[in-house]
Amino acid sequence: MGSVRMQGRKQDRRKYSRIATDQVISFAPVEARDLLGVSRNVSQSGIRFEAIGCEIALGDVLCVTFNLGDHTVAAVGRVVWATEMDPITMDVGIEFIEIDPTALRLMDELEVNEAPAPDRRSRA
């Protein structure tokens, strides 16, 4: 599974800035056992993470659990992109469908205290 990278994009058109993360998260298709991944960034609209040793397809709905500071957040999101990094690792982006409003407020607070996270992917 590959992705097309847009070359020469100069303007970041994202609605929300990214908060850099590098932590173990759990994720799973709704009503399935948890798997582990490593988050790369999170915003009010979604999370990017690396998943090892599992198949994830566009449109899959996943429950994801991660930490914001001292708070554990559980959210539900839909896979909007997934790129194979190597034969066993996928780079995955999900857009949140359900997330606790408290988590959104925490992200607002963290954004004020942190510069936007660099992202290797060009986004249209």
PDB file of N, CA and C in Angstrom:
ATOM      1  N   MET A   1       0.848  -1.158   0.000  1.00  0.00           N
ATOM      2  CA  MET A   1       0.000   0.000   0.000  1.00  0.00           C
ATOM      3  C   MET A   1       0.898   1.226   0.000  1.00  0.00           C
ATOM      4  N   GLY A   2       0.830   2.077  -0.966  1.00  0.00           N
ATOM      5  CA  GLY A   2       1.696   3.246  -1.048  1.00  0.00           C
ATOM      6  C   GLY A   2       0.891   4.516  -0.997  1.00  0.00           C
ATOM      7  N   SER A   3       1.566   5.643  -0.994  1.00  0.00           N
ATOM      8  CA  SER A   3       0.875   6.922  -1.026  1.00  0.00           C
ATOM      9  C   SER A   3       1.558   7.822  -2.028  1.00  0.00           C
ATOM     10  N   VAL A   4       0.810   8.758  -2.507  1.00  0.00           N
ATOM     11  CA  VAL A   4       1.348   9.745  -3.429  1.00  0.00           C
ATOM     12  C   VAL A   4       1.721  10.957  -2.602  1.00  0.00           C
ATOM     13  N   ARG A   5       2.924  11.409  -2.736  1.00  0.00           N
ATOM     14  CA  ARG A   5       3.364  12.582  -1.990  1.00  0.00           C
ATOM     15  C   ARG A   5       3.311  13.801  -2.898  1.00  0.00           C
ATOM     16  N   MET A   6       2.730  14.862  -2.397  1.00  0.00           N
ATOM     17  CA  MET A   6       2.650  16.103  -3.143  1.00  0.00           C
ATOM     18  C   MET A   6       3.987  16.818  -2.986  1.00  0.00           C
ATOM     19  N   GLN A   7       4.603  17.166  -4.076  1.00  0.00           N
ATOM     20  CA  GLN A   7       5.882  17.863  -4.042  1.00  0.00           C
ATOM     21  C   GLN A   7       5.646  19.361  -4.171  1.00  0.00           C
ATOM     22  N   GLY A   8       6.468  20.138  -3.505  1.00  0.00           N
ATOM     23  CA  GLY A   8       6.437  21.574  -3.651  1.00  0.00           C
ATOM     24  C   GLY A   8       5.314  22.272  -2.888  1.00  0.00           C
ATOM     25  N   ARG A   9       4.675  21.617  -1.935  1.00  0.00           N
ATOM     26  CA  ARG A   9       3.627  22.269  -1.142  1.00  0.00           C
ATOM     27  C   ARG A   9       4.294  23.224  -0.173  1.00  0.00           C
ATOM     28  N   LYS A  10       3.922  24.487  -0.190  1.00  0.00           N
ATOM     29  CA  LYS A  10       4.561  25.473   0.672  1.00  0.00           C
ATOM     30  C   LYS A  10       3.666  25.892   1.827  1.00  0.00           C
ATOM     31  N   GLN A  11       2.357  25.783   1.643  1.00  0.00           N
ATOM     32  CA  GLN A  11       1.426  26.254   2.649  1.00  0.00           C
ATOM     33  C   GLN A  11       0.774  25.078   3.375  1.00  0.00           C
ATOM     34  N   ASP A  12       0.819  25.099   4.695  1.00  0.00           N
ATOM     35  CA  ASP A  12       0.149  24.077   5.493  1.00  0.00           C
ATOM     36  C   ASP A  12      -1.299  24.497   5.638  1.00  0.00           C
ATOM     37  N   ARG A  13      -2.215  23.714   5.072  1.00  0.00           N
ATOM     38  CA  ARG A  13      -3.624  24.080   5.052  1.00  0.00           C
ATOM     39  C   ARG A  13      -4.408  23.375   6.152  1.00  0.00           C
ATOM     40  N   ARG A  14      -3.734  22.837   7.138  1.00  0.00           N
ATOM     41  CA  ARG A  14      -4.426  22.145   8.213  1.00  0.00           C
ATOM     42  C   ARG A  14      -5.218  23.121   9.063  1.00  0.00           C
ATOM     43  N   LYS A  15      -6.352  22.656   9.544  1.00  0.00           N
ATOM     44  CA  LYS A  15      -7.197  23.474  10.407  1.00  0.00           C
ATOM     45  C   LYS A  15      -6.606  23.584  11.811  1.00  0.00           C
ATOM     46  N   TYR A  16      -6.026  22.475  12.323  1.00  0.00           N
ATOM     47  CA  TYR A  16      -5.480  22.450  13.671  1.00  0.00           C
ATOM     48  C   TYR A  16      -3.987  22.154  13.620  1.00  0.00           C
ATOM     49  N   SER A  17      -3.220  22.804  14.505  1.00  0.00           N
ATOM     50  CA  SER A  17      -1.797  22.513  14.562  1.00  0.00           C
ATOM     51  C   SER A  17      -1.564  21.171  15.232  1.00  0.00           C
ATOM     52  N   ARG A  18      -0.398  20.556  14.976  1.00  0.00           N
ATOM     53  CA  ARG A  18      -0.059  19.240  15.507  1.00  0.00           C
ATOM     54  C   ARG A  18       0.777  19.386  16.768  1.00  0.00           C
ATOM     55  N   ILE A  19       0.520  18.512  17.710  1.00  0.00           N
ATOM     56  CA  ILE A  19       1.297  18.437  18.945  1.00  0.00           C
ATOM     57  C   ILE A  19       2.165  17.194  18.830  1.00  0.00           C
ATOM     58  N   ALA A  20       3.490  17.368  18.866  1.00  0.00           N
ATOM     59  CA  ALA A  20       4.399  16.241  18.713  1.00  0.00           C
ATOM     60  C   ALA A  20       4.226  15.267  19.864  1.00  0.00           C
ATOM     61  N   THR A  21       4.198  13.982  19.537  1.00  0.00           N
ATOM     62  CA  THR A  21       4.117  12.951  20.557  1.00  0.00           C
ATOM     63  C   THR A  21       5.030  11.811  20.154  1.00  0.00           C
ATOM     64  N   ASP A  22       5.446  11.046  21.113  1.00  0.00           N
ATOM     65  CA  ASP A  22       6.260   9.858  20.860  1.00  0.00           C
ATOM     66  C   ASP A  22       5.996   8.919  22.025  1.00  0.00           C
ATOM     67  N   GLN A  23       4.805   8.313  22.024  1.00  0.00           N
ATOM     68  CA  GLN A  23       4.397   7.480  23.145  1.00  0.00           C
ATOM     69  C   GLN A  23       3.669   6.250  22.629  1.00  0.00           C
ATOM     70  N   VAL A  24       3.659   5.241  23.451  1.00  0.00           N
ATOM     71  CA  VAL A  24       2.925   4.027  23.113  1.00  0.00           C
ATOM     72  C   VAL A  24       1.443   4.324  23.272  1.00  0.00           C
ATOM     73  N   ILE A  25       0.660   3.903  22.281  1.00  0.00           N
ATOM     74  CA  ILE A  25      -0.788   4.047  22.335  1.00  0.00           C
ATOM     75  C   ILE A  25      -1.400   2.672  22.118  1.00  0.00           C
ATOM     76  N   SER A  26      -2.682   2.527  22.421  1.00  0.00           N
ATOM     77  CA  SER A  26      -3.389   1.305  22.038  1.00  0.00           C
ATOM     78  C   SER A  26      -4.445   1.690  21.022  1.00  0.00           C
ATOM     79  N   PHE A  27      -4.712   0.773  20.102  1.00  0.00           N
ATOM     80  CA  PHE A  27      -5.749   1.009  19.113  1.00  0.00           C
ATOM     81  C   PHE A  27      -6.357  -0.329  18.750  1.00  0.00           C
ATOM     82  N   ALA A  28      -7.580  -0.299  18.246  1.00  0.00           N
ATOM     83  CA  ALA A  28      -8.249  -1.541  17.875  1.00  0.00           C
ATOM     84  C   ALA A  28      -9.472  -1.219  17.040  1.00  0.00           C
ATOM     85  N   PRO A  29      -9.787  -2.108  16.123  1.00  0.00           N
ATOM     86  CA  PRO A  29     -11.096  -1.975  15.487  1.00  0.00           C
ATOM     87  C   PRO A  29     -12.145  -2.032  16.584  1.00  0.00           C
ATOM     88  N   VAL A  30     -13.235  -1.319  16.389  1.00  0.00           N
ATOM     89  CA  VAL A  30     -14.281  -1.286  17.409  1.00  0.00           C
ATOM     90  C   VAL A  30     -14.679  -2.719  17.762  1.00  0.00           C
ATOM     91  N   GLU A  31     -14.746  -3.013  19.065  1.00  0.00           N
ATOM     92  CA  GLU A  31     -15.122  -4.324  19.595  1.00  0.00           C
ATOM     93  C   GLU A  31     -14.122  -5.435  19.269  1.00  0.00           C
ATOM     94  N   ALA A  32     -12.838  -5.106  19.205  1.00  0.00           N
ATOM     95  CA  ALA A  32     -11.777  -6.103  18.991  1.00  0.00           C
ATOM     96  C   ALA A  32     -10.696  -5.879  20.045  1.00  0.00           C
ATOM     97  N   ARG A  33      -9.750  -6.792  20.113  1.00  0.00           N
ATOM     98  CA  ARG A  33      -8.691  -6.664  21.120  1.00  0.00           C
ATOM     99  C   ARG A  33      -7.744  -5.521  20.761  1.00  0.00           C
ATOM    100  N   ASP A  34      -7.130  -4.933  21.791  1.00  0.00           N
ATOM    101  CA  ASP A  34      -6.215  -3.814  21.589  1.00  0.00           C
ATOM    102  C   ASP A  34      -4.909  -4.257  20.952  1.00  0.00           C
ATOM    103  N   LEU A  35      -4.372  -3.396  20.116  1.00  0.00           N
ATOM    104  CA  LEU A  35      -3.044  -3.538  19.529  1.00  0.00           C
ATOM    105  C   LEU A  35      -2.239  -2.332  19.991  1.00  0.00           C
ATOM    106  N   LEU A  36      -0.910  -2.389  19.837  1.00  0.00           N
ATOM    107  CA  LEU A  36      -0.074  -1.270  20.265  1.00  0.00           C
ATOM    108  C   LEU A  36       0.548  -0.581  19.067  1.00  0.00           C
ATOM    109  N   GLY A  37       0.736   0.721  19.201  1.00  0.00           N
ATOM    110  CA  GLY A  37       1.398   1.522  18.181  1.00  0.00           C
ATOM    111  C   GLY A  37       2.142   2.642  18.869  1.00  0.00           C
ATOM    112  N   VAL A  38       2.784   3.500  18.089  1.00  0.00           N
ATOM    113  CA  VAL A  38       3.511   4.647  18.624  1.00  0.00           C
ATOM    114  C   VAL A  38       2.964   5.901  17.961  1.00  0.00           C
ATOM    115  N   SER A  39       2.440   6.813  18.782  1.00  0.00           N
ATOM    116  CA  SER A  39       1.887   8.043  18.222  1.00  0.00           C
ATOM    117  C   SER A  39       3.009   8.945  17.737  1.00  0.00           C
ATOM    118  N   ARG A  40       2.722   9.720  16.708  1.00  0.00           N
ATOM    119  CA  ARG A  40       3.688  10.679  16.168  1.00  0.00           C
ATOM    120  C   ARG A  40       3.220  12.106  16.354  1.00  0.00           C
ATOM    121  N   ASN A  41       1.920  12.346  16.203  1.00  0.00           N
ATOM    122  CA  ASN A  41       1.356  13.647  16.542  1.00  0.00           C
ATOM    123  C   ASN A  41      -0.140  13.503  16.714  1.00  0.00           C
ATOM    124  N   VAL A  42      -0.714  14.497  17.378  1.00  0.00           N
ATOM    125  CA  VAL A  42      -2.150  14.491  17.640  1.00  0.00           C
ATOM    126  C   VAL A  42      -2.654  15.923  17.494  1.00  0.00           C
ATOM    127  N   SER A  43      -3.867  16.066  17.013  1.00  0.00           N
ATOM    128  CA  SER A  43      -4.514  17.369  16.932  1.00  0.00           C
ATOM    129  C   SER A  43      -5.964  17.190  17.328  1.00  0.00           C
ATOM    130  N   GLN A  44      -6.708  18.269  17.326  1.00  0.00           N
ATOM    131  CA  GLN A  44      -8.123  18.181  17.676  1.00  0.00           C
ATOM    132  C   GLN A  44      -8.912  17.378  16.648  1.00  0.00           C
ATOM    133  N   SER A  45      -8.368  17.225  15.458  1.00  0.00           N
ATOM    134  CA  SER A  45      -9.104  16.500  14.421  1.00  0.00           C
ATOM    135  C   SER A  45      -8.682  15.040  14.286  1.00  0.00           C
ATOM    136  N   GLY A  46      -7.507  14.648  14.803  1.00  0.00           N
ATOM    137  CA  GLY A  46      -7.093  13.256  14.647  1.00  0.00           C
ATOM    138  C   GLY A  46      -5.721  12.969  15.219  1.00  0.00           C
ATOM    139  N   ILE A  47      -5.236  11.755  14.942  1.00  0.00           N
ATOM    140  CA  ILE A  47      -3.934  11.309  15.448  1.00  0.00           C
ATOM    141  C   ILE A  47      -3.202  10.549  14.353  1.00  0.00           C
ATOM    142  N   ARG A  48      -1.889  10.713  14.340  1.00  0.00           N
ATOM    143  CA  ARG A  48      -1.014   9.963  13.445  1.00  0.00           C
ATOM    144  C   ARG A  48      -0.199   9.010  14.304  1.00  0.00           C
ATOM    145  N   PHE A  49      -0.105   7.738  13.866  1.00  0.00           N
ATOM    146  CA  PHE A  49       0.671   6.763  14.625  1.00  0.00           C
ATOM    147  C   PHE A  49       1.258   5.710  13.697  1.00  0.00           C
ATOM    148  N   GLU A  50       2.251   5.002  14.205  1.00  0.00           N
ATOM    149  CA  GLU A  50       2.848   3.880  13.489  1.00  0.00           C
ATOM    150  C   GLU A  50       2.333   2.591  14.107  1.00  0.00           C
ATOM    151  N   ALA A  51       1.901   1.671  13.252  1.00  0.00           N
ATOM    152  CA  ALA A  51       1.381   0.372  13.680  1.00  0.00           C
ATOM    153  C   ALA A  51       2.294  -0.707  13.118  1.00  0.00           C
ATOM    154  N   ILE A  52       2.597  -1.706  13.926  1.00  0.00           N
ATOM    155  CA  ILE A  52       3.512  -2.773  13.507  1.00  0.00           C
ATOM    156  C   ILE A  52       2.781  -4.107  13.522  1.00  0.00           C
ATOM    157  N   GLY A  53       2.929  -4.842  12.424  1.00  0.00           N
ATOM    158  CA  GLY A  53       2.436  -6.211  12.356  1.00  0.00           C
ATOM    159  C   GLY A  53       0.934  -6.366  12.277  1.00  0.00           C
ATOM    160  N   CYS A  54       0.232  -5.424  11.659  1.00  0.00           N
ATOM    161  CA  CYS A  54      -1.214  -5.565  11.499  1.00  0.00           C
ATOM    162  C   CYS A  54      -1.661  -4.899  10.209  1.00  0.00           C
ATOM    163  N   GLU A  55      -2.820  -5.298   9.735  1.00  0.00           N
ATOM    164  CA  GLU A  55      -3.392  -4.716   8.523  1.00  0.00           C
ATOM    165  C   GLU A  55      -4.403  -3.645   8.917  1.00  0.00           C
ATOM    166  N   ILE A  56      -4.271  -2.479   8.325  1.00  0.00           N
ATOM    167  CA  ILE A  56      -5.216  -1.391   8.552  1.00  0.00           C
ATOM    168  C   ILE A  56      -5.600  -0.852   7.183  1.00  0.00           C
ATOM    169  N   ALA A  57      -6.894  -0.690   6.957  1.00  0.00           N
ATOM    170  CA  ALA A  57      -7.373  -0.241   5.656  1.00  0.00           C
ATOM    171  C   ALA A  57      -8.070   1.110   5.770  1.00  0.00           C
ATOM    172  N   LEU A  58      -8.081   1.850   4.675  1.00  0.00           N
ATOM    173  CA  LEU A  58      -8.822   3.104   4.623  1.00  0.00           C
ATOM    174  C   LEU A  58     -10.274   2.842   5.009  1.00  0.00           C
ATOM    175  N   GLY A  59     -10.812   3.726   5.823  1.00  0.00           N
ATOM    176  CA  GLY A  59     -12.203   3.593   6.241  1.00  0.00           C
ATOM    177  C   GLY A  59     -12.419   2.787   7.503  1.00  0.00           C
ATOM    178  N   ASP A  60     -11.399   2.024   7.956  1.00  0.00           N
ATOM    179  CA  ASP A  60     -11.542   1.274   9.206  1.00  0.00           C
ATOM    180  C   ASP A  60     -11.869   2.243  10.339  1.00  0.00           C
ATOM    181  N   VAL A  61     -12.745   1.830  11.244  1.00  0.00           N
ATOM    182  CA  VAL A  61     -13.067   2.620  12.430  1.00  0.00           C
ATOM    183  C   VAL A  61     -12.319   1.999  13.602  1.00  0.00           C
ATOM    184  N   LEU A  62     -11.498   2.819  14.262  1.00  0.00           N
ATOM    185  CA  LEU A  62     -10.655   2.338  15.356  1.00  0.00           C
ATOM    186  C   LEU A  62     -10.946   3.092  16.640  1.00  0.00           C
ATOM    187  N   CYS A  63     -10.870   2.369  17.751  1.00  0.00           N
ATOM    188  CA  CYS A  63     -10.815   2.999  19.071  1.00  0.00           C
ATOM    189  C   CYS A  63      -9.335   3.228  19.346  1.00  0.00           C
ATOM    190  N   VAL A  64      -8.982   4.380  19.848  1.00  0.00           N
ATOM    191  CA  VAL A  64      -7.583   4.673  20.148  1.00  0.00           C
ATOM    192  C   VAL A  64      -7.512   5.277  21.546  1.00  0.00           C
ATOM    193  N   THR A  65      -6.517   4.841  22.316  1.00  0.00           N
ATOM    194  CA  THR A  65      -6.314   5.346  23.667  1.00  0.00           C
ATOM    195  C   THR A  65      -4.901   5.907  23.754  1.00  0.00           C
ATOM    196  N   PHE A  66      -4.783   7.140  24.238  1.00  0.00           N
ATOM    197  CA  PHE A  66      -3.480   7.804  24.321  1.00  0.00           C
ATOM    198  C   PHE A  66      -3.493   8.775  25.492  1.00  0.00           C
ATOM    199  N   ASN A  67      -2.335   9.317  25.808  1.00  0.00           N
ATOM    200  CA  ASN A  67      -2.230  10.251  26.935  1.00  0.00           C
ATOM    201  C   ASN A  67      -1.980  11.668  26.441  1.00  0.00           C
ATOM    202  N   LEU A  68      -2.618  12.606  27.126  1.00  0.00           N
ATOM    203  CA  LEU A  68      -2.344  14.037  26.974  1.00  0.00           C
ATOM    204  C   LEU A  68      -1.937  14.517  28.356  1.00  0.00           C
ATOM    205  N   GLY A  69      -0.646  14.742  28.528  1.00  0.00           N
ATOM    206  CA  GLY A  69      -0.167  15.082  29.857  1.00  0.00           C
ATOM    207  C   GLY A  69      -0.469  13.931  30.800  1.00  0.00           C
ATOM    208  N   ASP A  70      -1.167  14.221  31.899  1.00  0.00           N
ATOM    209  CA  ASP A  70      -1.525  13.199  32.882  1.00  0.00           C
ATOM    210  C   ASP A  70      -2.895  12.580  32.623  1.00  0.00           C
ATOM    211  N   HIS A  71      -3.544  12.948  31.529  1.00  0.00           N
ATOM    212  CA  HIS A  71      -4.892  12.477  31.232  1.00  0.00           C
ATOM    213  C   HIS A  71      -4.889  11.403  30.146  1.00  0.00           C
ATOM    214  N   THR A  72      -5.617  10.322  30.390  1.00  0.00           N
ATOM    215  CA  THR A  72      -5.785   9.278  29.384  1.00  0.00           C
ATOM    216  C   THR A  72      -7.041   9.588  28.580  1.00  0.00           C
ATOM    217  N   VAL A  73      -6.896   9.546  27.263  1.00  0.00           N
ATOM    218  CA  VAL A  73      -7.989   9.887  26.355  1.00  0.00           C
ATOM    219  C   VAL A  73      -8.365   8.655  25.539  1.00  0.00           C
ATOM    220  N   ALA A  74      -9.644   8.372  25.442  1.00  0.00           N
ATOM    221  CA  ALA A  74     -10.150   7.329  24.556  1.00  0.00           C
ATOM    222  C   ALA A  74     -10.985   8.027  23.489  1.00  0.00           C
ATOM    223  N   ALA A  75     -10.716   7.700  22.228  1.00  0.00           N
ATOM    224  CA  ALA A  75     -11.431   8.325  21.125  1.00  0.00           C
ATOM    225  C   ALA A  75     -11.747   7.265  20.074  1.00  0.00           C
ATOM    226  N   VAL A  76     -12.668   7.592  19.190  1.00  0.00           N
ATOM    227  CA  VAL A  76     -13.005   6.744  18.060  1.00  0.00           C
ATOM    228  C   VAL A  76     -12.736   7.561  16.806  1.00  0.00           C
ATOM    229  N   GLY A  77     -12.098   6.921  15.819  1.00  0.00           N
ATOM    230  CA  GLY A  77     -11.800   7.635  14.584  1.00  0.00           C
ATOM    231  C   GLY A  77     -11.807   6.721  13.379  1.00  0.00           C
ATOM    232  N   ARG A  78     -11.848   7.348  12.207  1.00  0.00           N
ATOM    233  CA  ARG A  78     -11.857   6.619  10.931  1.00  0.00           C
ATOM    234  C   ARG A  78     -10.500   6.807  10.248  1.00  0.00           C
ATOM    235  N   VAL A  79      -9.938   5.715   9.708  1.00  0.00           N
ATOM    236  CA  VAL A  79      -8.659   5.779   9.001  1.00  0.00           C
ATOM    237  C   VAL A  79      -8.867   6.568   7.707  1.00  0.00           C
ATOM    238  N   VAL A  80      -8.135   7.680   7.580  1.00  0.00           N
ATOM    239  CA  VAL A  80      -8.255   8.520   6.385  1.00  0.00           C
ATOM    240  C   VAL A  80      -7.037   8.396   5.472  1.00  0.00           C
ATOM    241  N   TRP A  81      -5.933   7.873   5.995  1.00  0.00           N
ATOM    242  CA  TRP A  81      -4.779   7.519   5.171  1.00  0.00           C
ATOM    243  C   TRP A  81      -3.945   6.485   5.903  1.00  0.00           C
ATOM    244  N   ALA A  82      -3.285   5.646   5.139  1.00  0.00           N
ATOM    245  CA  ALA A  82      -2.388   4.619   5.692  1.00  0.00           C
ATOM    246  C   ALA A  82      -1.322   4.350   4.645  1.00  0.00           C
ATOM    247  N   THR A  83      -0.062   4.430   5.052  1.00  0.00           N
ATOM    248  CA  THR A  83       1.064   4.247   4.153  1.00  0.00           C
ATOM    249  C   THR A  83       1.968   3.147   4.681  1.00  0.00           C
ATOM    250  N   GLU A  84       2.298   2.193   3.850  1.00  0.00           N
ATOM    251  CA  GLU A  84       3.224   1.138   4.238  1.00  0.00           C
ATOM    252  C   GLU A  84       4.631   1.727   4.282  1.00  0.00           C
ATOM    253  N   MET A  85       5.272   1.650   5.451  1.00  0.00           N
ATOM    254  CA  MET A  85       6.627   2.174   5.611  1.00  0.00           C
ATOM    255  C   MET A  85       7.662   1.104   5.286  1.00  0.00           C
ATOM    256  N   ASP A  86       7.355  -0.130   5.648  1.00  0.00           N
ATOM    257  CA  ASP A  86       8.173  -1.291   5.320  1.00  0.00           C
ATOM    258  C   ASP A  86       7.229  -2.492   5.392  1.00  0.00           C
ATOM    259  N   PRO A  87       7.708  -3.712   5.161  1.00  0.00           N
ATOM    260  CA  PRO A  87       6.774  -4.855   5.110  1.00  0.00           C
ATOM    261  C   PRO A  87       5.926  -5.085   6.361  1.00  0.00           C
ATOM    262  N   ILE A  88       6.339  -4.569   7.525  1.00  0.00           N
ATOM    263  CA  ILE A  88       5.542  -4.815   8.734  1.00  0.00           C
ATOM    264  C   ILE A  88       5.050  -3.548   9.432  1.00  0.00           C
ATOM    265  N   THR A  89       5.418  -2.366   8.939  1.00  0.00           N
ATOM    266  CA  THR A  89       5.075  -1.115   9.621  1.00  0.00           C
ATOM    267  C   THR A  89       4.218  -0.226   8.737  1.00  0.00           C
ATOM    268  N   MET A  90       3.143   0.307   9.320  1.00  0.00           N
ATOM    269  CA  MET A  90       2.282   1.254   8.610  1.00  0.00           C
ATOM    270  C   MET A  90       2.244   2.582   9.357  1.00  0.00           C
ATOM    271  N   ASP A  91       2.246   3.660   8.607  1.00  0.00           N
ATOM    272  CA  ASP A  91       2.045   5.011   9.111  1.00  0.00           C
ATOM    273  C   ASP A  91       0.559   5.301   8.881  1.00  0.00           C
ATOM    274  N   VAL A  92      -0.174   5.640   9.947  1.00  0.00           N
ATOM    275  CA  VAL A  92      -1.630   5.706   9.873  1.00  0.00           C
ATOM    276  C   VAL A  92      -2.131   7.059  10.381  1.00  0.00           C
ATOM    277  N   GLY A  93      -3.122   7.602   9.700  1.00  0.00           N
ATOM    278  CA  GLY A  93      -3.792   8.813  10.161  1.00  0.00           C
ATOM    279  C   GLY A  93      -5.272   8.548  10.331  1.00  0.00           C
ATOM    280  N   ILE A  94      -5.787   8.873  11.508  1.00  0.00           N
ATOM    281  CA  ILE A  94      -7.229   8.739  11.702  1.00  0.00           C
ATOM    282  C   ILE A  94      -7.825  10.104  12.025  1.00  0.00           C
ATOM    283  N   GLU A  95      -9.057  10.290  11.578  1.00  0.00           N
ATOM    284  CA  GLU A  95      -9.822  11.484  11.885  1.00  0.00           C
ATOM    285  C   GLU A  95     -10.813  11.109  12.974  1.00  0.00           C
ATOM    286  N   PHE A  96     -10.830  11.898  14.062  1.00  0.00           N
ATOM    287  CA  PHE A  96     -11.706  11.573  15.174  1.00  0.00           C
ATOM    288  C   PHE A  96     -13.181  11.705  14.775  1.00  0.00           C
ATOM    289  N   ILE A  97     -13.962  10.723  15.214  1.00  0.00           N
ATOM    290  CA  ILE A  97     -15.420  10.745  15.085  1.00  0.00           C
ATOM    291  C   ILE A  97     -16.023  11.109  16.439  1.00  0.00           C
ATOM    292  N   GLU A  98     -15.418  10.550  17.503  1.00  0.00           N
ATOM    293  CA  GLU A  98     -15.846  10.826  18.874  1.00  0.00           C
ATOM    294  C   GLU A  98     -14.616  11.069  19.734  1.00  0.00           C
ATOM    295  N   ILE A  99     -14.645  12.160  20.499  1.00  0.00           N
ATOM    296  CA  ILE A  99     -13.568  12.446  21.446  1.00  0.00           C
ATOM    297  C   ILE A  99     -14.148  13.306  22.566  1.00  0.00           C
ATOM    298  N   ASP A 100     -13.681  13.093  23.765  1.00  0.00           N
ATOM    299  CA  ASP A 100     -14.149  13.813  24.941  1.00  0.00           C
ATOM    300  C   ASP A 100     -13.821  15.308  24.803  1.00  0.00           C
ATOM    301  N   PRO A 101     -14.785  16.187  25.032  1.00  0.00           N
ATOM    302  CA  PRO A 101     -14.519  17.632  24.966  1.00  0.00           C
ATOM    303  C   PRO A 101     -13.399  18.082  25.904  1.00  0.00           C
ATOM    304  N   THR A 102     -13.207  17.374  27.010  1.00  0.00           N
ATOM    305  CA  THR A 102     -12.102  17.697  27.923  1.00  0.00           C
ATOM    306  C   THR A 102     -10.762  17.521  27.213  1.00  0.00           C
ATOM    307  N   ALA A 103     -10.644  16.479  26.385  1.00  0.00           N
ATOM    308  CA  ALA A 103      -9.409  16.250  25.630  1.00  0.00           C
ATOM    309  C   ALA A 103      -9.160  17.396  24.651  1.00  0.00           C
ATOM    310  N   LEU A 104     -10.201  17.906  24.038  1.00  0.00           N
ATOM    311  CA  LEU A 104     -10.047  19.034  23.111  1.00  0.00           C
ATOM    312  C   LEU A 104      -9.526  20.268  23.844  1.00  0.00           C
ATOM    313  N   ARG A 105     -10.032  20.520  25.048  1.00  0.00           N
ATOM    314  CA  ARG A 105      -9.540  21.652  25.842  1.00  0.00           C
ATOM    315  C   ARG A 105      -8.077  21.453  26.228  1.00  0.00           C
ATOM    316  N   LEU A 106      -7.706  20.216  26.595  1.00  0.00           N
ATOM    317  CA  LEU A 106      -6.307  19.939  26.928  1.00  0.00           C
ATOM    318  C   LEU A 106      -5.398  20.204  25.731  1.00  0.00           C
ATOM    319  N   MET A 107      -5.840  19.808  24.534  1.00  0.00           N
ATOM    320  CA  MET A 107      -5.035  20.054  23.338  1.00  0.00           C
ATOM    321  C   MET A 107      -4.881  21.541  23.076  1.00  0.00           C
ATOM    322  N   ASP A 108      -5.939  22.311  23.305  1.00  0.00           N
ATOM    323  CA  ASP A 108      -5.840  23.767  23.173  1.00  0.00           C
ATOM    324  C   ASP A 108      -4.743  24.307  24.083  1.00  0.00           C
ATOM    325  N   GLU A 109      -4.726  23.838  25.331  1.00  0.00           N
ATOM    326  CA  GLU A 109      -3.719  24.289  26.290  1.00  0.00           C
ATOM    327  C   GLU A 109      -2.320  23.877  25.849  1.00  0.00           C
ATOM    328  N   LEU A 110      -2.170  22.640  25.361  1.00  0.00           N
ATOM    329  CA  LEU A 110      -0.859  22.165  24.924  1.00  0.00           C
ATOM    330  C   LEU A 110      -0.376  22.913  23.688  1.00  0.00           C
ATOM    331  N   GLU A 111      -1.264  23.260  22.770  1.00  0.00           N
ATOM    332  CA  GLU A 111      -0.887  23.990  21.554  1.00  0.00           C
ATOM    333  C   GLU A 111      -0.294  25.346  21.892  1.00  0.00           C
ATOM    334  N   VAL A 112      -0.834  25.987  22.912  1.00  0.00           N
ATOM    335  CA  VAL A 112      -0.335  27.296  23.314  1.00  0.00           C
ATOM    336  C   VAL A 112       1.104  27.194  23.803  1.00  0.00           C
ATOM    337  N   ASN A 113       1.446  26.066  24.435  1.00  0.00           N
ATOM    338  CA  ASN A 113       2.768  25.892  25.045  1.00  0.00           C
ATOM    339  C   ASN A 113       3.790  25.211  24.140  1.00  0.00           C
ATOM    340  N   GLU A 114       3.397  24.812  22.930  1.00  0.00           N
ATOM    341  CA  GLU A 114       4.283  24.035  22.061  1.00  0.00           C
ATOM    342  C   GLU A 114       4.236  24.554  20.635  1.00  0.00           C
ATOM    343  N   ALA A 115       5.387  24.520  19.959  1.00  0.00           N
ATOM    344  CA  ALA A 115       5.429  24.863  18.535  1.00  0.00           C
ATOM    345  C   ALA A 115       4.809  23.716  17.747  1.00  0.00           C
ATOM    346  N   PRO A 116       4.292  23.983  16.534  1.00  0.00           N
ATOM    347  CA  PRO A 116       3.728  22.908  15.712  1.00  0.00           C
ATOM    348  C   PRO A 116       4.751  21.814  15.440  1.00  0.00           C
ATOM    349  N   ALA A 117       4.281  20.576  15.409  1.00  0.00           N
ATOM    350  CA  ALA A 117       5.147  19.423  15.169  1.00  0.00           C
ATOM    351  C   ALA A 117       5.478  19.313  13.698  1.00  0.00           C
ATOM    352  N   PRO A 118       6.741  19.048  13.364  1.00  0.00           N
ATOM    353  CA  PRO A 118       7.070  18.806  11.958  1.00  0.00           C
ATOM    354  C   PRO A 118       6.434  17.497  11.511  1.00  0.00           C
ATOM    355  N   ASP A 119       6.076  17.428  10.260  1.00  0.00           N
ATOM    356  CA  ASP A 119       5.403  16.254   9.725  1.00  0.00           C
ATOM    357  C   ASP A 119       6.051  15.889   8.411  1.00  0.00           C
ATOM    358  N   ARG A 120       6.429  14.619   8.257  1.00  0.00           N
ATOM    359  CA  ARG A 120       7.093  14.168   7.035  1.00  0.00           C
ATOM    360  C   ARG A 120       6.136  14.069   5.867  1.00  0.00           C
ATOM    361  N   ARG A 121       4.849  14.065   6.124  1.00  0.00           N
ATOM    362  CA  ARG A 121       3.859  13.909   5.051  1.00  0.00           C
ATOM    363  C   ARG A 121       3.395  15.271   4.566  1.00  0.00           C
ATOM    364  N   SER A 122       3.260  15.440   3.290  1.00  0.00           N
ATOM    365  CA  SER A 122       2.620  16.622   2.725  1.00  0.00           C
ATOM    366  C   SER A 122       1.134  16.354   2.680  1.00  0.00           C
ATOM    367  N   ARG A 123       0.352  17.271   3.128  1.00  0.00           N
ATOM    368  CA  ARG A 123      -1.096  17.085   3.182  1.00  0.00           C
ATOM    369  C   ARG A 123      -1.768  18.109   2.276  1.00  0.00           C
ATOM    370  N   ALA A 124      -2.729  17.666   1.520  1.00  0.00           N
ATOM    371  CA  ALA A 124      -3.485  18.579   0.666  1.00  0.00           C
ATOM    372  C   ALA A 124      -4.630  19.172   1.421  1.00  0.00           C
TER     373      ALA A 124
END
